[in-house]
Amino acid sequence: MMSPGIAAPELVQTLDDQESEVKQQVLRLLGGKGIVWDFVVRSGSPGEEIVEVADETGADLVVVGSNRHSSLHNLLLGSTAAYLTAHSQAAVLVMRSKAAVGAESVASVKS
C-alpha cells in the first residue's frame, strides 16, 4: 500500500505514459474539428471527481462509458455511471460500446 502523495517512480512514469497516450488519442479524434475540450486528471472516487469537475466547469453534458456490469457487481463495487446519473447537475449520457451491444443482441437471439 502507498500513502497518498507517495508513489514509486515506476508507477508515476506509467501513469504519465498513459496520460500522454490518452491525450494523443483525443487529439487524433478531435483535432481540427472545432471541439473545445479539457483534459483533467484527478485521484479519488471517479463519480465524485467527475461530478466535481462538471460543477466547476459548468458542463452542460457528461458523457460516460458503461460496461453494463451485473447488478451484484454494481451493488458490491458501485457504478460510476449510476452515481453520475444520481448526482450530476449536468445531463448525463451513458454510452455502451458497439461490441457490448452486439454481444447482447447475439445472446438474446440465442435465448
PDB file of N, CA and C in Angstrom:
ATOM      1  N   MET A   1       0.840  -1.181   0.000  1.00  0.00           N
ATOM      2  CA  MET A   1       0.000   0.000   0.000  1.00  0.00           C
ATOM      3  C   MET A   1       0.880   1.237   0.000  1.00  0.00           C
ATOM      4  N   MET A   2       0.368   2.290  -0.603  1.00  0.00           N
ATOM      5  CA  MET A   2       1.125   3.534  -0.651  1.00  0.00           C
ATOM      6  C   MET A   2       0.307   4.631   0.009  1.00  0.00           C
ATOM      7  N   SER A   3       0.989   5.503   0.688  1.00  0.00           N
ATOM      8  CA  SER A   3       0.313   6.657   1.272  1.00  0.00           C
ATOM      9  C   SER A   3      -0.004   7.657   0.161  1.00  0.00           C
ATOM     10  N   PRO A   4      -1.086   8.447   0.318  1.00  0.00           N
ATOM     11  CA  PRO A   4      -1.380   9.467  -0.685  1.00  0.00           C
ATOM     12  C   PRO A   4      -0.180  10.392  -0.875  1.00  0.00           C
ATOM     13  N   GLY A   5       0.149  10.663  -2.123  1.00  0.00           N
ATOM     14  CA  GLY A   5       1.245  11.571  -2.412  1.00  0.00           C
ATOM     15  C   GLY A   5       2.600  10.901  -2.494  1.00  0.00           C
ATOM     16  N   ILE A   6       2.664   9.622  -2.144  1.00  0.00           N
ATOM     17  CA  ILE A   6       3.938   8.905  -2.213  1.00  0.00           C
ATOM     18  C   ILE A   6       3.764   7.767  -3.203  1.00  0.00           C
ATOM     19  N   ALA A   7       4.532   7.808  -4.283  1.00  0.00           N
ATOM     20  CA  ALA A   7       4.411   6.768  -5.300  1.00  0.00           C
ATOM     21  C   ALA A   7       5.782   6.368  -5.796  1.00  0.00           C
ATOM     22  N   ALA A   8       5.902   5.108  -6.176  1.00  0.00           N
ATOM     23  CA  ALA A   8       7.147   4.620  -6.747  1.00  0.00           C
ATOM     24  C   ALA A   8       7.380   5.316  -8.080  1.00  0.00           C
ATOM     25  N   PRO A   9       8.634   5.647  -8.401  1.00  0.00           N
ATOM     26  CA  PRO A   9       8.921   6.328  -9.671  1.00  0.00           C
ATOM     27  C   PRO A   9       8.393   5.577 -10.890  1.00  0.00           C
ATOM     28  N   GLU A  10       8.424   4.232 -10.851  1.00  0.00           N
ATOM     29  CA  GLU A  10       7.934   3.439 -11.977  1.00  0.00           C
ATOM     30  C   GLU A  10       6.432   3.638 -12.166  1.00  0.00           C
ATOM     31  N   LEU A  11       5.698   3.708 -11.064  1.00  0.00           N
ATOM     32  CA  LEU A  11       4.254   3.913 -11.130  1.00  0.00           C
ATOM     33  C   LEU A  11       3.934   5.295 -11.691  1.00  0.00           C
ATOM     34  N   VAL A  12       4.653   6.284 -11.219  1.00  0.00           N
ATOM     35  CA  VAL A  12       4.446   7.652 -11.710  1.00  0.00           C
ATOM     36  C   VAL A  12       4.730   7.715 -13.203  1.00  0.00           C
ATOM     37  N   GLN A  13       5.803   7.070 -13.663  1.00  0.00           N
ATOM     38  CA  GLN A  13       6.146   7.073 -15.089  1.00  0.00           C
ATOM     39  C   GLN A  13       5.061   6.370 -15.909  1.00  0.00           C
ATOM     40  N   THR A  14       4.551   5.248 -15.407  1.00  0.00           N
ATOM     41  CA  THR A  14       3.486   4.521 -16.105  1.00  0.00           C
ATOM     42  C   THR A  14       2.236   5.382 -16.230  1.00  0.00           C
ATOM     43  N   LEU A  15       1.865   6.055 -15.160  1.00  0.00           N
ATOM     44  CA  LEU A  15       0.690   6.928 -15.198  1.00  0.00           C
ATOM     45  C   LEU A  15       0.907   8.098 -16.150  1.00  0.00           C
ATOM     46  N   ASP A  16       2.103   8.679 -16.145  1.00  0.00           N
ATOM     47  CA  ASP A  16       2.425   9.764 -17.075  1.00  0.00           C
ATOM     48  C   ASP A  16       2.337   9.284 -18.523  1.00  0.00           C
ATOM     49  N   ASP A  17       2.839   8.068 -18.778  1.00  0.00           N
ATOM     50  CA  ASP A  17       2.789   7.499 -20.131  1.00  0.00           C
ATOM     51  C   ASP A  17       1.340   7.282 -20.576  1.00  0.00           C
ATOM     52  N   GLN A  18       0.505   6.763 -19.676  1.00  0.00           N
ATOM     53  CA  GLN A  18      -0.904   6.543 -20.012  1.00  0.00           C
ATOM     54  C   GLN A  18      -1.609   7.866 -20.285  1.00  0.00           C
ATOM     55  N   GLU A  19      -1.335   8.869 -19.476  1.00  0.00           N
ATOM     56  CA  GLU A  19      -1.936  10.192 -19.674  1.00  0.00           C
ATOM     57  C   GLU A  19      -1.541  10.747 -21.042  1.00  0.00           C
ATOM     58  N   SER A  20      -0.281  10.631 -21.390  1.00  0.00           N
ATOM     59  CA  SER A  20       0.203  11.130 -22.670  1.00  0.00           C
ATOM     60  C   SER A  20      -0.462  10.390 -23.831  1.00  0.00           C
ATOM     61  N   GLU A  21      -0.596   9.090 -23.712  1.00  0.00           N
ATOM     62  CA  GLU A  21      -1.228   8.289 -24.769  1.00  0.00           C
ATOM     63  C   GLU A  21      -2.697   8.676 -24.959  1.00  0.00           C
ATOM     64  N   VAL A  22      -3.408   8.866 -23.869  1.00  0.00           N
ATOM     65  CA  VAL A  22      -4.822   9.256 -23.965  1.00  0.00           C
ATOM     66  C   VAL A  22      -4.949  10.629 -24.616  1.00  0.00           C
ATOM     67  N   LYS A  23      -4.095  11.574 -24.223  1.00  0.00           N
ATOM     68  CA  LYS A  23      -4.134  12.910 -24.828  1.00  0.00           C
ATOM     69  C   LYS A  23      -3.897  12.818 -26.334  1.00  0.00           C
ATOM     70  N   GLN A  24      -2.939  11.995 -26.755  1.00  0.00           N
ATOM     71  CA  GLN A  24      -2.656  11.839 -28.178  1.00  0.00           C
ATOM     72  C   GLN A  24      -3.846  11.241 -28.925  1.00  0.00           C
ATOM     73  N   GLN A  25      -4.504  10.264 -28.317  1.00  0.00           N
ATOM     74  CA  GLN A  25      -5.681   9.654 -28.948  1.00  0.00           C
ATOM     75  C   GLN A  25      -6.807  10.669 -29.100  1.00  0.00           C
ATOM     76  N   VAL A  26      -7.023  11.488 -28.080  1.00  0.00           N
ATOM     77  CA  VAL A  26      -8.069  12.511 -28.154  1.00  0.00           C
ATOM     78  C   VAL A  26      -7.734  13.520 -29.246  1.00  0.00           C
ATOM     79  N   LEU A  27      -6.489  13.934 -29.325  1.00  0.00           N
ATOM     80  CA  LEU A  27      -6.078  14.869 -30.378  1.00  0.00           C
ATOM     81  C   LEU A  27      -6.303  14.282 -31.769  1.00  0.00           C
ATOM     82  N   ARG A  28      -6.028  12.979 -31.932  1.00  0.00           N
ATOM     83  CA  ARG A  28      -6.269  12.332 -33.228  1.00  0.00           C
ATOM     84  C   ARG A  28      -7.763  12.324 -33.560  1.00  0.00           C
ATOM     85  N   LEU A  29      -8.595  12.075 -32.562  1.00  0.00           N
ATOM     86  CA  LEU A  29     -10.043  12.001 -32.796  1.00  0.00           C
ATOM     87  C   LEU A  29     -10.690  13.372 -32.966  1.00  0.00           C
ATOM     88  N   LEU A  30     -10.268  14.345 -32.157  1.00  0.00           N
ATOM     89  CA  LEU A  30     -10.955  15.638 -32.129  1.00  0.00           C
ATOM     90  C   LEU A  30     -10.191  16.767 -32.790  1.00  0.00           C
ATOM     91  N   GLY A  31      -8.916  16.554 -33.083  1.00  0.00           N
ATOM     92  CA  GLY A  31      -8.096  17.611 -33.665  1.00  0.00           C
ATOM     93  C   GLY A  31      -8.695  18.152 -34.955  1.00  0.00           C
ATOM     94  N   GLY A  32      -8.798  19.478 -35.050  1.00  0.00           N
ATOM     95  CA  GLY A  32      -9.300  20.113 -36.260  1.00  0.00           C
ATOM     96  C   GLY A  32     -10.805  20.093 -36.425  1.00  0.00           C
ATOM     97  N   LYS A  33     -11.536  19.588 -35.450  1.00  0.00           N
ATOM     98  CA  LYS A  33     -12.995  19.504 -35.545  1.00  0.00           C
ATOM     99  C   LYS A  33     -13.695  20.681 -34.866  1.00  0.00           C
ATOM    100  N   GLY A  34     -12.927  21.570 -34.252  1.00  0.00           N
ATOM    101  CA  GLY A  34     -13.519  22.735 -33.601  1.00  0.00           C
ATOM    102  C   GLY A  34     -14.201  22.419 -32.280  1.00  0.00           C
ATOM    103  N   ILE A  35     -13.861  21.305 -31.677  1.00  0.00           N
ATOM    104  CA  ILE A  35     -14.463  20.910 -30.401  1.00  0.00           C
ATOM    105  C   ILE A  35     -13.549  21.390 -29.276  1.00  0.00           C
ATOM    106  N   VAL A  36     -14.130  22.089 -28.320  1.00  0.00           N
ATOM    107  CA  VAL A  36     -13.365  22.572 -27.173  1.00  0.00           C
ATOM    108  C   VAL A  36     -13.404  21.496 -26.089  1.00  0.00           C
ATOM    109  N   TRP A  37     -12.243  21.116 -25.584  1.00  0.00           N
ATOM    110  CA  TRP A  37     -12.185  20.099 -24.552  1.00  0.00           C
ATOM    111  C   TRP A  37     -11.024  20.373 -23.609  1.00  0.00           C
ATOM    112  N   ASP A  38     -11.138  19.845 -22.413  1.00  0.00           N
ATOM    113  CA  ASP A  38     -10.083  19.932 -21.399  1.00  0.00           C
ATOM    114  C   ASP A  38      -9.762  18.522 -20.947  1.00  0.00           C
ATOM    115  N   PHE A  39      -8.506  18.289 -20.642  1.00  0.00           N
ATOM    116  CA  PHE A  39      -8.063  17.007 -20.115  1.00  0.00           C
ATOM    117  C   PHE A  39      -7.771  17.207 -18.638  1.00  0.00           C
ATOM    118  N   VAL A  40      -8.491  16.508 -17.777  1.00  0.00           N
ATOM    119  CA  VAL A  40      -8.351  16.680 -16.338  1.00  0.00           C
ATOM    120  C   VAL A  40      -7.996  15.336 -15.715  1.00  0.00           C
ATOM    121  N   VAL A  41      -6.971  15.333 -14.888  1.00  0.00           N
ATOM    122  CA  VAL A  41      -6.567  14.122 -14.175  1.00  0.00           C
ATOM    123  C   VAL A  41      -6.708  14.394 -12.686  1.00  0.00           C
ATOM    124  N   ARG A  42      -7.445  13.530 -12.024  1.00  0.00           N
ATOM    125  CA  ARG A  42      -7.636  13.656 -10.569  1.00  0.00           C
ATOM    126  C   ARG A  42      -7.569  12.278  -9.935  1.00  0.00           C
ATOM    127  N   SER A  43      -7.389  12.262  -8.628  1.00  0.00           N
ATOM    128  CA  SER A  43      -7.451  10.994  -7.906  1.00  0.00           C
ATOM    129  C   SER A  43      -8.634  11.057  -6.949  1.00  0.00           C
ATOM    130  N   GLY A  44      -9.174   9.895  -6.643  1.00  0.00           N
ATOM    131  CA  GLY A  44     -10.324   9.816  -5.758  1.00  0.00           C
ATOM    132  C   GLY A  44     -11.404   8.963  -6.376  1.00  0.00           C
ATOM    133  N   SER A  45     -12.595   9.072  -5.847  1.00  0.00           N
ATOM    134  CA  SER A  45     -13.739   8.329  -6.367  1.00  0.00           C
ATOM    135  C   SER A  45     -14.095   8.879  -7.747  1.00  0.00           C
ATOM    136  N   PRO A  46     -14.109   8.044  -8.789  1.00  0.00           N
ATOM    137  CA  PRO A  46     -14.377   8.552 -10.135  1.00  0.00           C
ATOM    138  C   PRO A  46     -15.686   9.340 -10.237  1.00  0.00           C
ATOM    139  N   GLY A  47     -16.760   8.813  -9.701  1.00  0.00           N
ATOM    140  CA  GLY A  47     -18.042   9.514  -9.781  1.00  0.00           C
ATOM    141  C   GLY A  47     -18.008  10.868  -9.110  1.00  0.00           C
ATOM    142  N   GLU A  48     -17.472  10.907  -7.901  1.00  0.00           N
ATOM    143  CA  GLU A  48     -17.409  12.168  -7.154  1.00  0.00           C
ATOM    144  C   GLU A  48     -16.526  13.184  -7.869  1.00  0.00           C
ATOM    145  N   GLU A  49     -15.392  12.738  -8.391  1.00  0.00           N
ATOM    146  CA  GLU A  49     -14.472  13.654  -9.070  1.00  0.00           C
ATOM    147  C   GLU A  49     -15.064  14.180 -10.373  1.00  0.00           C
ATOM    148  N   ILE A  50     -15.751  13.325 -11.128  1.00  0.00           N
ATOM    149  CA  ILE A  50     -16.370  13.772 -12.371  1.00  0.00           C
ATOM    150  C   ILE A  50     -17.468  14.780 -12.093  1.00  0.00           C
ATOM    151  N   VAL A  51     -18.282  14.527 -11.082  1.00  0.00           N
ATOM    152  CA  VAL A  51     -19.336  15.484 -10.712  1.00  0.00           C
ATOM    153  C   VAL A  51     -18.709  16.816 -10.307  1.00  0.00           C
ATOM    154  N   GLU A  52     -17.634  16.764  -9.540  1.00  0.00           N
ATOM    155  CA  GLU A  52     -16.967  17.990  -9.093  1.00  0.00           C
ATOM    156  C   GLU A  52     -16.420  18.791 -10.279  1.00  0.00           C
ATOM    157  N   VAL A  53     -15.784  18.111 -11.227  1.00  0.00           N
ATOM    158  CA  VAL A  53     -15.244  18.800 -12.405  1.00  0.00           C
ATOM    159  C   VAL A  53     -16.391  19.379 -13.240  1.00  0.00           C
ATOM    160  N   ALA A  54     -17.460  18.623 -13.417  1.00  0.00           N
ATOM    161  CA  ALA A  54     -18.608  19.114 -14.188  1.00  0.00           C
ATOM    162  C   ALA A  54     -19.198  20.364 -13.539  1.00  0.00           C
ATOM    163  N   ASP A  55     -19.310  20.356 -12.215  1.00  0.00           N
ATOM    164  CA  ASP A  55     -19.827  21.527 -11.494  1.00  0.00           C
ATOM    165  C   ASP A  55     -18.876  22.715 -11.623  1.00  0.00           C
ATOM    166  N   GLU A  56     -17.581  22.467 -11.446  1.00  0.00           N
ATOM    167  CA  GLU A  56     -16.585  23.549 -11.501  1.00  0.00           C
ATOM    168  C   GLU A  56     -16.534  24.209 -12.879  1.00  0.00           C
ATOM    169  N   THR A  57     -16.722  23.422 -13.926  1.00  0.00           N
ATOM    170  CA  THR A  57     -16.599  23.947 -15.289  1.00  0.00           C
ATOM    171  C   THR A  57     -17.928  24.386 -15.880  1.00  0.00           C
ATOM    172  N   GLY A  58     -19.021  24.110 -15.173  1.00  0.00           N
ATOM    173  CA  GLY A  58     -20.342  24.455 -15.697  1.00  0.00           C
ATOM    174  C   GLY A  58     -20.720  23.613 -16.907  1.00  0.00           C
ATOM    175  N   ALA A  59     -20.314  22.351 -16.900  1.00  0.00           N
ATOM    176  CA  ALA A  59     -20.584  21.462 -18.035  1.00  0.00           C
ATOM    177  C   ALA A  59     -22.088  21.314 -18.258  1.00  0.00           C
ATOM    178  N   ASP A  60     -22.466  21.250 -19.538  1.00  0.00           N
ATOM    179  CA  ASP A  60     -23.855  21.007 -19.913  1.00  0.00           C
ATOM    180  C   ASP A  60     -24.160  19.516 -20.014  1.00  0.00           C
ATOM    181  N   LEU A  61     -23.129  18.738 -20.316  1.00  0.00           N
ATOM    182  CA  LEU A  61     -23.324  17.312 -20.561  1.00  0.00           C
ATOM    183  C   LEU A  61     -22.107  16.540 -20.093  1.00  0.00           C
ATOM    184  N   VAL A  62     -22.344  15.415 -19.430  1.00  0.00           N
ATOM    185  CA  VAL A  62     -21.290  14.484 -19.049  1.00  0.00           C
ATOM    186  C   VAL A  62     -21.550  13.203 -19.843  1.00  0.00           C
ATOM    187  N   VAL A  63     -20.540  12.760 -20.588  1.00  0.00           N
ATOM    188  CA  VAL A  63     -20.651  11.526 -21.360  1.00  0.00           C
ATOM    189  C   VAL A  63     -19.759  10.497 -20.690  1.00  0.00           C
ATOM    190  N   VAL A  64     -20.318   9.317 -20.413  1.00  0.00           N
ATOM    191  CA  VAL A  64     -19.562   8.281 -19.722  1.00  0.00           C
ATOM    192  C   VAL A  64     -19.848   6.940 -20.389  1.00  0.00           C
ATOM    193  N   GLY A  65     -18.826   6.090 -20.422  1.00  0.00           N
ATOM    194  CA  GLY A  65     -18.992   4.749 -20.966  1.00  0.00           C
ATOM    195  C   GLY A  65     -19.499   3.808 -19.894  1.00  0.00           C
ATOM    196  N   SER A  66     -20.134   2.726 -20.336  1.00  0.00           N
ATOM    197  CA  SER A  66     -20.645   1.737 -19.394  1.00  0.00           C
ATOM    198  C   SER A  66     -20.324   0.348 -19.903  1.00  0.00           C
ATOM    199  N   ASN A  67     -19.886  -0.514 -18.998  1.00  0.00           N
ATOM    200  CA  ASN A  67     -19.607  -1.906 -19.341  1.00  0.00           C
ATOM    201  C   ASN A  67     -20.799  -2.807 -19.073  1.00  0.00           C
ATOM    202  N   ARG A  68     -21.853  -2.240 -18.516  1.00  0.00           N
ATOM    203  CA  ARG A  68     -23.073  -2.968 -18.155  1.00  0.00           C
ATOM    204  C   ARG A  68     -22.743  -4.154 -17.268  1.00  0.00           C
ATOM    205  N   HIS A  69     -22.194  -3.857 -16.120  1.00  0.00           N
ATOM    206  CA  HIS A  69     -21.895  -4.908 -15.150  1.00  0.00           C
ATOM    207  C   HIS A  69     -23.190  -5.444 -14.564  1.00  0.00           C
ATOM    208  N   SER A  70     -23.087  -6.588 -13.930  1.00  0.00           N
ATOM    209  CA  SER A  70     -24.253  -7.192 -13.297  1.00  0.00           C
ATOM    210  C   SER A  70     -24.698  -6.346 -12.109  1.00  0.00           C
ATOM    211  N   SER A  71     -25.936  -6.546 -11.688  1.00  0.00           N
ATOM    212  CA  SER A  71     -26.465  -5.826 -10.530  1.00  0.00           C
ATOM    213  C   SER A  71     -25.659  -6.138  -9.281  1.00  0.00           C
ATOM    214  N   LEU A  72     -25.203  -7.378  -9.145  1.00  0.00           N
ATOM    215  CA  LEU A  72     -24.394  -7.760  -7.990  1.00  0.00           C
ATOM    216  C   LEU A  72     -23.076  -6.993  -8.006  1.00  0.00           C
ATOM    217  N   HIS A  73     -22.450  -6.893  -9.162  1.00  0.00           N
ATOM    218  CA  HIS A  73     -21.203  -6.128  -9.281  1.00  0.00           C
ATOM    219  C   HIS A  73     -21.442  -4.678  -8.855  1.00  0.00           C
ATOM    220  N   ASN A  74     -22.507  -4.074  -9.363  1.00  0.00           N
ATOM    221  CA  ASN A  74     -22.806  -2.684  -9.030  1.00  0.00           C
ATOM    222  C   ASN A  74     -23.104  -2.518  -7.548  1.00  0.00           C
ATOM    223  N   LEU A  75     -23.776  -3.498  -6.948  1.00  0.00           N
ATOM    224  CA  LEU A  75     -24.090  -3.433  -5.527  1.00  0.00           C
ATOM    225  C   LEU A  75     -22.819  -3.473  -4.686  1.00  0.00           C
ATOM    226  N   LEU A  76     -21.887  -4.345  -5.053  1.00  0.00           N
ATOM    227  CA  LEU A  76     -20.661  -4.501  -4.276  1.00  0.00           C
ATOM    228  C   LEU A  76     -19.642  -3.406  -4.549  1.00  0.00           C
ATOM    229  N   LEU A  77     -19.487  -3.006  -5.805  1.00  0.00           N
ATOM    230  CA  LEU A  77     -18.431  -2.073  -6.177  1.00  0.00           C
ATOM    231  C   LEU A  77     -18.947  -0.695  -6.571  1.00  0.00           C
ATOM    232  N   GLY A  78     -20.223  -0.580  -6.835  1.00  0.00           N
ATOM    233  CA  GLY A  78     -20.774   0.690  -7.280  1.00  0.00           C
ATOM    234  C   GLY A  78     -20.650   0.837  -8.781  1.00  0.00           C
ATOM    235  N   SER A  79     -21.276   1.841  -9.314  1.00  0.00           N
ATOM    236  CA  SER A  79     -21.228   2.097 -10.742  1.00  0.00           C
ATOM    237  C   SER A  79     -21.044   3.587 -10.942  1.00  0.00           C
ATOM    238  N   THR A  80     -19.983   3.955 -11.638  1.00  0.00           N
ATOM    239  CA  THR A  80     -19.736   5.373 -11.886  1.00  0.00           C
ATOM    240  C   THR A  80     -20.892   5.979 -12.666  1.00  0.00           C
ATOM    241  N   ALA A  81     -21.378   5.268 -13.679  1.00  0.00           N
ATOM    242  CA  ALA A  81     -22.493   5.784 -14.478  1.00  0.00           C
ATOM    243  C   ALA A  81     -23.735   6.003 -13.609  1.00  0.00           C
ATOM    244  N   ALA A  82     -24.039   5.055 -12.741  1.00  0.00           N
ATOM    245  CA  ALA A  82     -25.205   5.196 -11.863  1.00  0.00           C
ATOM    246  C   ALA A  82     -25.008   6.367 -10.902  1.00  0.00           C
ATOM    247  N   TYR A  83     -23.803   6.519 -10.367  1.00  0.00           N
ATOM    248  CA  TYR A  83     -23.522   7.635  -9.470  1.00  0.00           C
ATOM    249  C   TYR A  83     -23.733   8.963 -10.179  1.00  0.00           C
ATOM    250  N   LEU A  84     -23.215   9.051 -11.410  1.00  0.00           N
ATOM    251  CA  LEU A  84     -23.336  10.300 -12.167  1.00  0.00           C
ATOM    252  C   LEU A  84     -24.798  10.639 -12.445  1.00  0.00           C
ATOM    253  N   THR A  85     -25.582   9.655 -12.817  1.00  0.00           N
ATOM    254  CA  THR A  85     -26.985   9.942 -13.122  1.00  0.00           C
ATOM    255  C   THR A  85     -27.738  10.404 -11.885  1.00  0.00           C
ATOM    256  N   ALA A  86     -27.298   9.973 -10.721  1.00  0.00           N
ATOM    257  CA  ALA A  86     -27.976  10.368  -9.484  1.00  0.00           C
ATOM    258  C   ALA A  86     -27.469  11.686  -8.912  1.00  0.00           C
ATOM    259  N   HIS A  87     -26.221  12.061  -9.187  1.00  0.00           N
ATOM    260  CA  HIS A  87     -25.621  13.206  -8.504  1.00  0.00           C
ATOM    261  C   HIS A  87     -25.219  14.391  -9.382  1.00  0.00           C
ATOM    262  N   SER A  88     -25.154  14.214 -10.687  1.00  0.00           N
ATOM    263  CA  SER A  88     -24.676  15.281 -11.554  1.00  0.00           C
ATOM    264  C   SER A  88     -25.757  16.324 -11.806  1.00  0.00           C
ATOM    265  N   GLN A  89     -25.367  17.609 -11.717  1.00  0.00           N
ATOM    266  CA  GLN A  89     -26.273  18.701 -12.079  1.00  0.00           C
ATOM    267  C   GLN A  89     -26.437  18.760 -13.599  1.00  0.00           C
ATOM    268  N   ALA A  90     -25.388  18.346 -14.330  1.00  0.00           N
ATOM    269  CA  ALA A  90     -25.423  18.332 -15.792  1.00  0.00           C
ATOM    270  C   ALA A  90     -26.135  17.072 -16.274  1.00  0.00           C
ATOM    271  N   ALA A  91     -26.648  17.130 -17.493  1.00  0.00           N
ATOM    272  CA  ALA A  91     -27.227  15.941 -18.106  1.00  0.00           C
ATOM    273  C   ALA A  91     -26.128  14.888 -18.267  1.00  0.00           C
ATOM    274  N   VAL A  92     -26.512  13.616 -18.179  1.00  0.00           N
ATOM    275  CA  VAL A  92     -25.546  12.521 -18.291  1.00  0.00           C
ATOM    276  C   VAL A  92     -25.980  11.607 -19.430  1.00  0.00           C
ATOM    277  N   LEU A  93     -25.052  11.345 -20.345  1.00  0.00           N
ATOM    278  CA  LEU A  93     -25.277  10.418 -21.454  1.00  0.00           C
ATOM    279  C   LEU A  93     -24.405   9.203 -21.207  1.00  0.00           C
ATOM    280  N   VAL A  94     -25.026   8.032 -21.037  1.00  0.00           N
ATOM    281  CA  VAL A  94     -24.296   6.795 -20.789  1.00  0.00           C
ATOM    282  C   VAL A  94     -24.227   6.022 -22.101  1.00  0.00           C
ATOM    283  N   MET A  95     -23.001   5.784 -22.555  1.00  0.00           N
ATOM    284  CA  MET A  95     -22.771   5.104 -23.835  1.00  0.00           C
ATOM    285  C   MET A  95     -22.216   3.707 -23.595  1.00  0.00           C
ATOM    286  N   ARG A  96     -22.664   2.773 -24.420  1.00  0.00           N
ATOM    287  CA  ARG A  96     -22.086   1.433 -24.402  1.00  0.00           C
ATOM    288  C   ARG A  96     -21.370   1.215 -25.720  1.00  0.00           C
ATOM    289  N   SER A  97     -20.331   0.397 -25.715  1.00  0.00           N
ATOM    290  CA  SER A  97     -19.579   0.140 -26.943  1.00  0.00           C
ATOM    291  C   SER A  97     -20.421  -0.687 -27.909  1.00  0.00           C
ATOM    292  N   LYS A  98     -20.111  -0.557 -29.197  1.00  0.00           N
ATOM    293  CA  LYS A  98     -20.815  -1.346 -30.209  1.00  0.00           C
ATOM    294  C   LYS A  98     -20.616  -2.828 -29.955  1.00  0.00           C
ATOM    295  N   ALA A  99     -19.432  -3.213 -29.496  1.00  0.00           N
ATOM    296  CA  ALA A  99     -19.143  -4.623 -29.220  1.00  0.00           C
ATOM    297  C   ALA A  99     -20.053  -5.155 -28.115  1.00  0.00           C
ATOM    298  N   ALA A 100     -20.270  -4.360 -27.058  1.00  0.00           N
ATOM    299  CA  ALA A 100     -21.130  -4.793 -25.959  1.00  0.00           C
ATOM    300  C   ALA A 100     -22.569  -4.918 -26.424  1.00  0.00           C
ATOM    301  N   VAL A 101     -23.035  -3.982 -27.232  1.00  0.00           N
ATOM    302  CA  VAL A 101     -24.402  -4.023 -27.740  1.00  0.00           C
ATOM    303  C   VAL A 101     -24.564  -5.208 -28.679  1.00  0.00           C
ATOM    304  N   GLY A 102     -23.570  -5.453 -29.549  1.00  0.00           N
ATOM    305  CA  GLY A 102     -23.629  -6.574 -30.480  1.00  0.00           C
ATOM    306  C   GLY A 102     -23.636  -7.918 -29.765  1.00  0.00           C
ATOM    307  N   ALA A 103     -22.833  -8.062 -28.731  1.00  0.00           N
ATOM    308  CA  ALA A 103     -22.773  -9.308 -27.963  1.00  0.00           C
ATOM    309  C   ALA A 103     -24.095  -9.566 -27.272  1.00  0.00           C
ATOM    310  N   GLU A 104     -24.729  -8.501 -26.760  1.00  0.00           N
ATOM    311  CA  GLU A 104     -26.017  -8.647 -26.090  1.00  0.00           C
ATOM    312  C   GLU A 104     -27.090  -9.089 -27.093  1.00  0.00           C
ATOM    313  N   SER A 105     -27.056  -8.536 -28.299  1.00  0.00           N
ATOM    314  CA  SER A 105     -28.026  -8.898 -29.334  1.00  0.00           C
ATOM    315  C   SER A 105     -27.891 -10.363 -29.711  1.00  0.00           C
ATOM    316  N   VAL A 106     -26.657 -10.836 -29.857  1.00  0.00           N
ATOM    317  CA  VAL A 106     -26.419 -12.244 -30.187  1.00  0.00           C
ATOM    318  C   VAL A 106     -26.926 -13.139 -29.066  1.00  0.00           C
ATOM    319  N   ALA A 107     -26.684 -12.751 -27.803  1.00  0.00           N
ATOM    320  CA  ALA A 107     -27.127 -13.551 -26.670  1.00  0.00           C
ATOM    321  C   ALA A 107     -28.650 -13.618 -26.615  1.00  0.00           C
ATOM    322  N   SER A 108     -29.338 -12.525 -26.932  1.00  0.00           N
ATOM    323  CA  SER A 108     -30.800 -12.537 -26.854  1.00  0.00           C
ATOM    324  C   SER A 108     -31.402 -13.341 -28.002  1.00  0.00           C
ATOM    325  N   VAL A 109     -30.728 -13.422 -29.151  1.00  0.00           N
ATOM    326  CA  VAL A 109     -31.218 -14.225 -30.269  1.00  0.00           C
ATOM    327  C   VAL A 109     -31.111 -15.712 -29.925  1.00  0.00           C
ATOM    328  N   LYS A 110     -30.043 -16.092 -29.212  1.00  0.00           N
ATOM    329  CA  LYS A 110     -29.840 -17.490 -28.832  1.00  0.00           C
ATOM    330  C   LYS A 110     -30.825 -17.941 -27.756  1.00  0.00           C
ATOM    331  N   SER A 111     -31.366 -17.007 -26.980  1.00  0.00           N
ATOM    332  CA  SER A 111     -32.261 -17.377 -25.864  1.00  0.00           C
ATOM    333  C   SER A 111     -33.597 -17.842 -26.349  1.00  0.00           C
TER     334      SER A 111
END
